[in-house]
C-alpha atoms as a PDB file:
ATOM      1  CA  UNK A   1       5.423 -31.177  -1.523  1.00  0.00           C
ATOM      2  CA  UNK A   2       8.162 -30.786  -4.431  1.00  0.00           C
ATOM      3  CA  UNK A   3      11.025 -28.511  -3.730  1.00  0.00           C
ATOM      4  CA  UNK A   4       9.540 -26.351  -6.347  1.00  0.00           C
ATOM      5  CA  UNK A   5       6.404 -25.920  -4.272  1.00  0.00           C
ATOM      6  CA  UNK A   6       7.897 -25.187  -1.203  1.00  0.00           C
ATOM      7  CA  UNK A   7       9.921 -22.331  -2.670  1.00  0.00           C
ATOM      8  CA  UNK A   8       6.262 -20.568  -4.534  1.00  0.00           C
ATOM      9  CA  UNK A   9       4.604 -21.298  -1.295  1.00  0.00           C
ATOM     10  CA  UNK A  10       7.791 -19.746   0.818  1.00  0.00           C
ATOM     11  CA  UNK A  11       7.776 -16.748  -1.692  1.00  0.00           C
ATOM     12  CA  UNK A  12       4.470 -15.768  -1.057  1.00  0.00           C
ATOM     13  CA  UNK A  13       4.338 -15.793   2.982  1.00  0.00           C
ATOM     14  CA  UNK A  14       7.771 -13.714   2.171  1.00  0.00           C
ATOM     15  CA  UNK A  15       5.484 -11.084   0.238  1.00  0.00           C
ATOM     16  CA  UNK A  16       2.517 -11.128   2.176  1.00  0.00           C
ATOM     17  CA  UNK A  17       4.637 -10.312   5.320  1.00  0.00           C
ATOM     18  CA  UNK A  18       6.191  -7.100   3.742  1.00  0.00           C
ATOM     19  CA  UNK A  19       2.741  -6.201   2.293  1.00  0.00           C
ATOM     20  CA  UNK A  20       1.718  -5.737   6.528  1.00  0.00           C
ATOM     21  CA  UNK A  21       4.577  -4.751   7.523  1.00  0.00           C
ATOM     22  CA  UNK A  22       4.148  -1.243   4.846  1.00  0.00           C
ATOM     23  CA  UNK A  23       0.680  -2.077   5.553  1.00  0.00           C
ATOM     24  CA  UNK A  24       1.265  -1.149   9.282  1.00  0.00           C
ATOM     25  CA  UNK A  25       3.264   2.068   8.390  1.00  0.00           C
ATOM     26  CA  UNK A  26       0.268   3.976   6.614  1.00  0.00           C
ATOM     27  CA  UNK A  27      -2.234   3.212   8.825  1.00  0.00           C
ATOM     28  CA  UNK A  28      -0.742   4.467  11.431  1.00  0.00           C
ATOM     29  CA  UNK A  29      -1.413   8.461  10.142  1.00  0.00           C
ATOM     30  CA  UNK A  30      -5.104   6.421   7.670  1.00  0.00           C
ATOM     31  CA  UNK A  31      -6.224   4.520   9.953  1.00  0.00           C
ATOM     32  CA  UNK A  32      -6.509   0.739  10.907  1.00  0.00           C
ATOM     33  CA  UNK A  33      -9.451   0.232   8.499  1.00  0.00           C
ATOM     34  CA  UNK A  34      -7.899   2.982   6.494  1.00  0.00           C
ATOM     35  CA  UNK A  35     -11.308   5.432   8.490  1.00  0.00           C
ATOM     36  CA  UNK A  36      -8.659   8.232   8.596  1.00  0.00           C
ATOM     37  CA  UNK A  37      -8.180  11.340   7.686  1.00  0.00           C
ATOM     38  CA  UNK A  38      -3.930  11.602   7.750  1.00  0.00           C
ATOM     39  CA  UNK A  39      -3.482  15.245   9.499  1.00  0.00           C
ATOM     40  CA  UNK A  40      -6.885  16.547   8.828  1.00  0.00           C
ATOM     41  CA  UNK A  41      -6.078  16.670   5.375  1.00  0.00           C
ATOM     42  CA  UNK A  42      -6.014  13.542   3.297  1.00  0.00           C
ATOM     43  CA  UNK A  43      -8.938  11.976   1.632  1.00  0.00           C
ATOM     44  CA  UNK A  44     -10.529   8.655   3.026  1.00  0.00           C
ATOM     45  CA  UNK A  45      -8.272   5.895   1.738  1.00  0.00           C
ATOM     46  CA  UNK A  46     -10.869   3.073   2.297  1.00  0.00           C
ATOM     47  CA  UNK A  47     -13.712   4.818   0.006  1.00  0.00           C
ATOM     48  CA  UNK A  48     -11.328   5.971  -2.914  1.00  0.00           C
ATOM     49  CA  UNK A  49     -11.397   3.603  -6.296  1.00  0.00           C
ATOM     50  CA  UNK A  50      -9.006   1.589  -7.480  1.00  0.00           C
ATOM     51  CA  UNK A  51      -7.849   4.049  -9.956  1.00  0.00           C
ATOM     52  CA  UNK A  52      -7.790   7.076  -7.252  1.00  0.00           C
ATOM     53  CA  UNK A  53      -5.749   5.241  -5.300  1.00  0.00           C
ATOM     54  CA  UNK A  54      -2.512   4.365  -7.291  1.00  0.00           C
ATOM     55  CA  UNK A  55      -2.793   7.926  -9.528  1.00  0.00           C
ATOM     56  CA  UNK A  56      -2.378   9.086  -5.806  1.00  0.00           C
ATOM     57  CA  UNK A  57       0.534   7.382  -5.084  1.00  0.00           C
ATOM     58  CA  UNK A  58       2.257   7.848  -8.516  1.00  0.00           C
ATOM     59  CA  UNK A  59       1.958  11.699  -7.408  1.00  0.00           C
ATOM     60  CA  UNK A  60       3.349  10.947  -4.107  1.00  0.00           C
ATOM     61  CA  UNK A  61       6.679   8.599  -5.453  1.00  0.00           C
ATOM     62  CA  UNK A  62       7.775  12.099  -6.899  1.00  0.00           C
ATOM     63  CA  UNK A  63       5.727  15.478  -4.961  1.00  0.00           C
ATOM     64  CA  UNK A  64       7.293  17.053  -2.198  1.00  0.00           C
ATOM     65  CA  UNK A  65       4.659  16.168   0.195  1.00  0.00           C
ATOM     66  CA  UNK A  66       5.203  14.558   3.272  1.00  0.00           C
ATOM     67  CA  UNK A  67       3.629  11.382   1.249  1.00  0.00           C
ATOM     68  CA  UNK A  68       7.114  11.421  -1.130  1.00  0.00           C
ATOM     69  CA  UNK A  69       9.195   9.870   1.555  1.00  0.00           C
ATOM     70  CA  UNK A  70       6.568   6.701   2.358  1.00  0.00           C
ATOM     71  CA  UNK A  71       5.145   6.376  -1.456  1.00  0.00           C
ATOM     72  CA  UNK A  72       8.984   6.960  -3.173  1.00  0.00           C
ATOM     73  CA  UNK A  73       9.933   3.554  -1.735  1.00  0.00           C
ATOM     74  CA  UNK A  74       6.875   1.596  -3.544  1.00  0.00           C
ATOM     75  CA  UNK A  75       7.516  -0.193  -6.878  1.00  0.00           C
ATOM     76  CA  UNK A  76       4.429  -0.204  -9.093  1.00  0.00           C
ATOM     77  CA  UNK A  77       3.896  -3.321  -7.988  1.00  0.00           C
ATOM     78  CA  UNK A  78       3.532  -2.916  -4.772  1.00  0.00           C
ATOM     79  CA  UNK A  79       0.896   0.123  -5.545  1.00  0.00           C
ATOM     80  CA  UNK A  80      -1.214  -2.436  -7.608  1.00  0.00           C
ATOM     81  CA  UNK A  81      -1.655  -4.302  -4.379  1.00  0.00           C
ATOM     82  CA  UNK A  82      -2.066  -1.148  -2.083  1.00  0.00           C
ATOM     83  CA  UNK A  83      -5.282  -0.066  -5.009  1.00  0.00           C
ATOM     84  CA  UNK A  84      -6.597  -3.842  -5.151  1.00  0.00           C
ATOM     85  CA  UNK A  85      -6.601  -4.543  -1.640  1.00  0.00           C
ATOM     86  CA  UNK A  86      -7.941  -1.302  -0.443  1.00  0.00           C
ATOM     87  CA  UNK A  87      -9.796   0.189  -3.612  1.00  0.00           C
ATOM     88  CA  UNK A  88     -13.636  -0.061  -4.805  1.00  0.00           C
END
């Protein structure tokens, strides 16, 4: 395997690890399969469409809700990834 392929593979594995780490934070309130209403208030994430997830996370980045502390750390790319993986 040449150096370029090794670097790409390492970056992919790091990205997967980072994705898993911030998803695990979400799962604490939203459930392992995103099947719970966080704090008994939120919508069930697994039932949301991709666009709705993106819209809500972008809103939370600047809101005064409890989600601001989580969403404000997400990049647009990370928000896109979350929506693609968990949205309908």
